Amino acid sequence: MAKNKSKERFMARPIEQHTTAAWANIKKTKPFSNVTIPDEVEVRNAKEWVDTNQK
């Protein structure tokens, strides 16, 4: 067991936020693979975010 219990508590908390993800506004789902297809607006937002955050 770890001596630092707060580390174990914070490790269980997810880092990413799924509410701001590109797939948050799902347009449709592919029937066989259950892959979600985002709305066109979300695709444009994701591309814009990638373009502005490139190094």
N, C-alpha and C. Protein backbone atom coordinates (compact mmCIF):
# COMPACT_ATOMS: atom_id res chain seq x y z
N MET A 1 0.83 -1.18 0.00
CA MET A 1 0.00 0.00 0.00
C MET A 1 0.87 1.25 0.00
N ALA A 2 0.37 2.25 -0.60
CA ALA A 2 1.10 3.51 -0.66
C ALA A 2 0.96 4.27 0.65
N LYS A 3 2.02 4.96 1.01
CA LYS A 3 1.98 5.76 2.23
C LYS A 3 1.13 7.01 2.02
N ASN A 4 1.12 7.50 0.77
CA ASN A 4 0.41 8.74 0.48
C ASN A 4 -0.99 8.41 -0.06
N LYS A 5 -1.98 8.47 0.79
CA LYS A 5 -3.35 8.12 0.40
C LYS A 5 -3.97 9.16 -0.53
N SER A 6 -3.53 10.41 -0.46
CA SER A 6 -4.10 11.42 -1.34
C SER A 6 -3.72 11.15 -2.79
N LYS A 7 -2.56 10.56 -3.02
CA LYS A 7 -2.16 10.22 -4.39
C LYS A 7 -3.13 9.20 -4.97
N GLU A 8 -3.48 8.20 -4.21
CA GLU A 8 -4.43 7.19 -4.68
C GLU A 8 -5.79 7.80 -4.96
N ARG A 9 -6.19 8.75 -4.16
CA ARG A 9 -7.49 9.40 -4.36
C ARG A 9 -7.50 10.23 -5.64
N PHE A 10 -6.42 10.97 -5.92
CA PHE A 10 -6.38 11.80 -7.12
C PHE A 10 -6.12 10.97 -8.38
N MET A 11 -5.53 9.81 -8.27
CA MET A 11 -5.28 8.97 -9.44
C MET A 11 -6.59 8.42 -9.99
N ALA A 12 -7.60 8.30 -9.18
CA ALA A 12 -8.87 7.76 -9.62
C ALA A 12 -9.69 8.77 -10.41
N ARG A 13 -9.35 10.03 -10.31
CA ARG A 13 -10.10 11.10 -10.98
C ARG A 13 -9.63 11.25 -12.43
N PRO A 14 -10.52 11.21 -13.42
CA PRO A 14 -10.08 11.36 -14.81
C PRO A 14 -9.60 12.78 -15.09
N ILE A 15 -8.65 12.89 -16.00
CA ILE A 15 -8.07 14.18 -16.33
C ILE A 15 -8.85 14.87 -17.44
N GLU A 16 -9.23 14.12 -18.45
CA GLU A 16 -9.87 14.72 -19.62
C GLU A 16 -11.33 15.09 -19.33
N GLN A 17 -11.82 16.03 -20.10
CA GLN A 17 -13.19 16.48 -19.97
C GLN A 17 -13.95 16.08 -21.22
N HIS A 18 -14.90 15.18 -21.10
CA HIS A 18 -15.61 14.68 -22.27
C HIS A 18 -16.71 15.62 -22.74
N THR A 19 -17.05 16.60 -21.97
CA THR A 19 -18.12 17.51 -22.39
C THR A 19 -17.66 18.46 -23.48
N THR A 20 -16.35 18.68 -23.61
CA THR A 20 -15.83 19.57 -24.64
C THR A 20 -15.24 18.81 -25.82
N ALA A 21 -15.40 17.51 -25.85
CA ALA A 21 -14.82 16.71 -26.93
C ALA A 21 -15.61 16.90 -28.22
N ALA A 22 -14.96 16.57 -29.34
CA ALA A 22 -15.60 16.73 -30.65
C ALA A 22 -16.80 15.80 -30.80
N TRP A 23 -16.78 14.68 -30.10
CA TRP A 23 -17.88 13.74 -30.24
C TRP A 23 -19.00 14.00 -29.22
N ALA A 24 -18.96 15.13 -28.55
CA ALA A 24 -20.00 15.43 -27.56
C ALA A 24 -21.36 15.65 -28.23
N ASN A 25 -21.38 16.27 -29.41
CA ASN A 25 -22.62 16.45 -30.16
C ASN A 25 -22.65 15.41 -31.28
N ILE A 26 -23.20 14.27 -30.99
CA ILE A 26 -23.19 13.15 -31.92
C ILE A 26 -24.27 13.34 -32.96
N LYS A 27 -23.88 13.28 -34.23
CA LYS A 27 -24.85 13.39 -35.32
C LYS A 27 -25.50 12.03 -35.56
N LYS A 28 -24.69 10.99 -35.68
CA LYS A 28 -25.20 9.63 -35.85
C LYS A 28 -24.15 8.63 -35.42
N THR A 29 -24.52 7.38 -35.36
CA THR A 29 -23.63 6.30 -34.97
C THR A 29 -23.65 5.24 -36.06
N LYS A 30 -22.46 4.75 -36.41
CA LYS A 30 -22.40 3.68 -37.40
C LYS A 30 -22.99 2.42 -36.79
N PRO A 31 -23.81 1.70 -37.54
CA PRO A 31 -24.57 0.60 -36.94
C PRO A 31 -23.71 -0.59 -36.50
N PHE A 32 -22.74 -0.98 -37.28
CA PHE A 32 -21.99 -2.20 -36.96
C PHE A 32 -20.90 -1.96 -35.92
N SER A 33 -20.16 -0.86 -36.07
CA SER A 33 -19.01 -0.62 -35.21
C SER A 33 -19.31 0.30 -34.03
N ASN A 34 -20.47 0.92 -33.99
CA ASN A 34 -20.86 1.87 -32.94
C ASN A 34 -19.91 3.06 -32.85
N VAL A 35 -19.31 3.44 -33.96
CA VAL A 35 -18.45 4.62 -34.01
C VAL A 35 -19.33 5.84 -34.15
N THR A 36 -19.10 6.83 -33.31
CA THR A 36 -19.92 8.03 -33.37
C THR A 36 -19.37 9.00 -34.41
N ILE A 37 -20.26 9.67 -35.11
CA ILE A 37 -19.90 10.66 -36.10
C ILE A 37 -20.39 12.00 -35.58
N PRO A 38 -19.44 12.95 -35.35
CA PRO A 38 -19.83 14.23 -34.77
C PRO A 38 -20.56 15.11 -35.78
N ASP A 39 -21.20 16.12 -35.25
CA ASP A 39 -21.88 17.11 -36.06
C ASP A 39 -20.83 17.91 -36.84
N GLU A 40 -21.23 18.47 -37.98
CA GLU A 40 -20.29 19.20 -38.84
C GLU A 40 -19.67 20.40 -38.13
N VAL A 41 -20.43 21.03 -37.28
CA VAL A 41 -19.91 22.18 -36.53
C VAL A 41 -18.78 21.74 -35.60
N GLU A 42 -18.94 20.58 -34.97
CA GLU A 42 -17.90 20.09 -34.07
C GLU A 42 -16.64 19.70 -34.83
N VAL A 43 -16.79 19.18 -36.04
CA VAL A 43 -15.62 18.85 -36.86
C VAL A 43 -14.85 20.11 -37.20
N ARG A 44 -15.57 21.17 -37.57
CA ARG A 44 -14.90 22.45 -37.87
C ARG A 44 -14.21 23.01 -36.63
N ASN A 45 -14.86 22.93 -35.48
CA ASN A 45 -14.25 23.41 -34.24
C ASN A 45 -12.99 22.63 -33.90
N ALA A 46 -13.02 21.32 -34.09
CA ALA A 46 -11.85 20.49 -33.80
C ALA A 46 -10.70 20.83 -34.73
N LYS A 47 -10.99 21.04 -36.02
CA LYS A 47 -9.95 21.40 -36.98
C LYS A 47 -9.36 22.76 -36.65
N GLU A 48 -10.20 23.71 -36.28
CA GLU A 48 -9.73 25.03 -35.91
C GLU A 48 -8.83 24.97 -34.67
N TRP A 49 -9.19 24.14 -33.70
CA TRP A 49 -8.40 24.00 -32.49
C TRP A 49 -7.03 23.40 -32.81
N VAL A 50 -7.00 22.39 -33.69
CA VAL A 50 -5.74 21.77 -34.07
C VAL A 50 -4.87 22.76 -34.83
N ASP A 51 -5.47 23.52 -35.74
CA ASP A 51 -4.70 24.48 -36.53
C ASP A 51 -4.10 25.58 -35.65
N THR A 52 -4.81 26.03 -34.64
CA THR A 52 -4.28 27.10 -33.80
C THR A 52 -3.28 26.60 -32.78
N ASN A 53 -3.30 25.30 -32.45
CA ASN A 53 -2.40 24.77 -31.41
C ASN A 53 -1.25 23.97 -31.98
N GLN A 54 -0.99 24.07 -33.26
CA GLN A 54 0.17 23.38 -33.83
C GLN A 54 1.43 24.16 -33.48
N LYS A 55 2.51 23.42 -33.32
CA LYS A 55 3.78 24.07 -33.00
C LYS A 55 4.60 24.28 -34.24
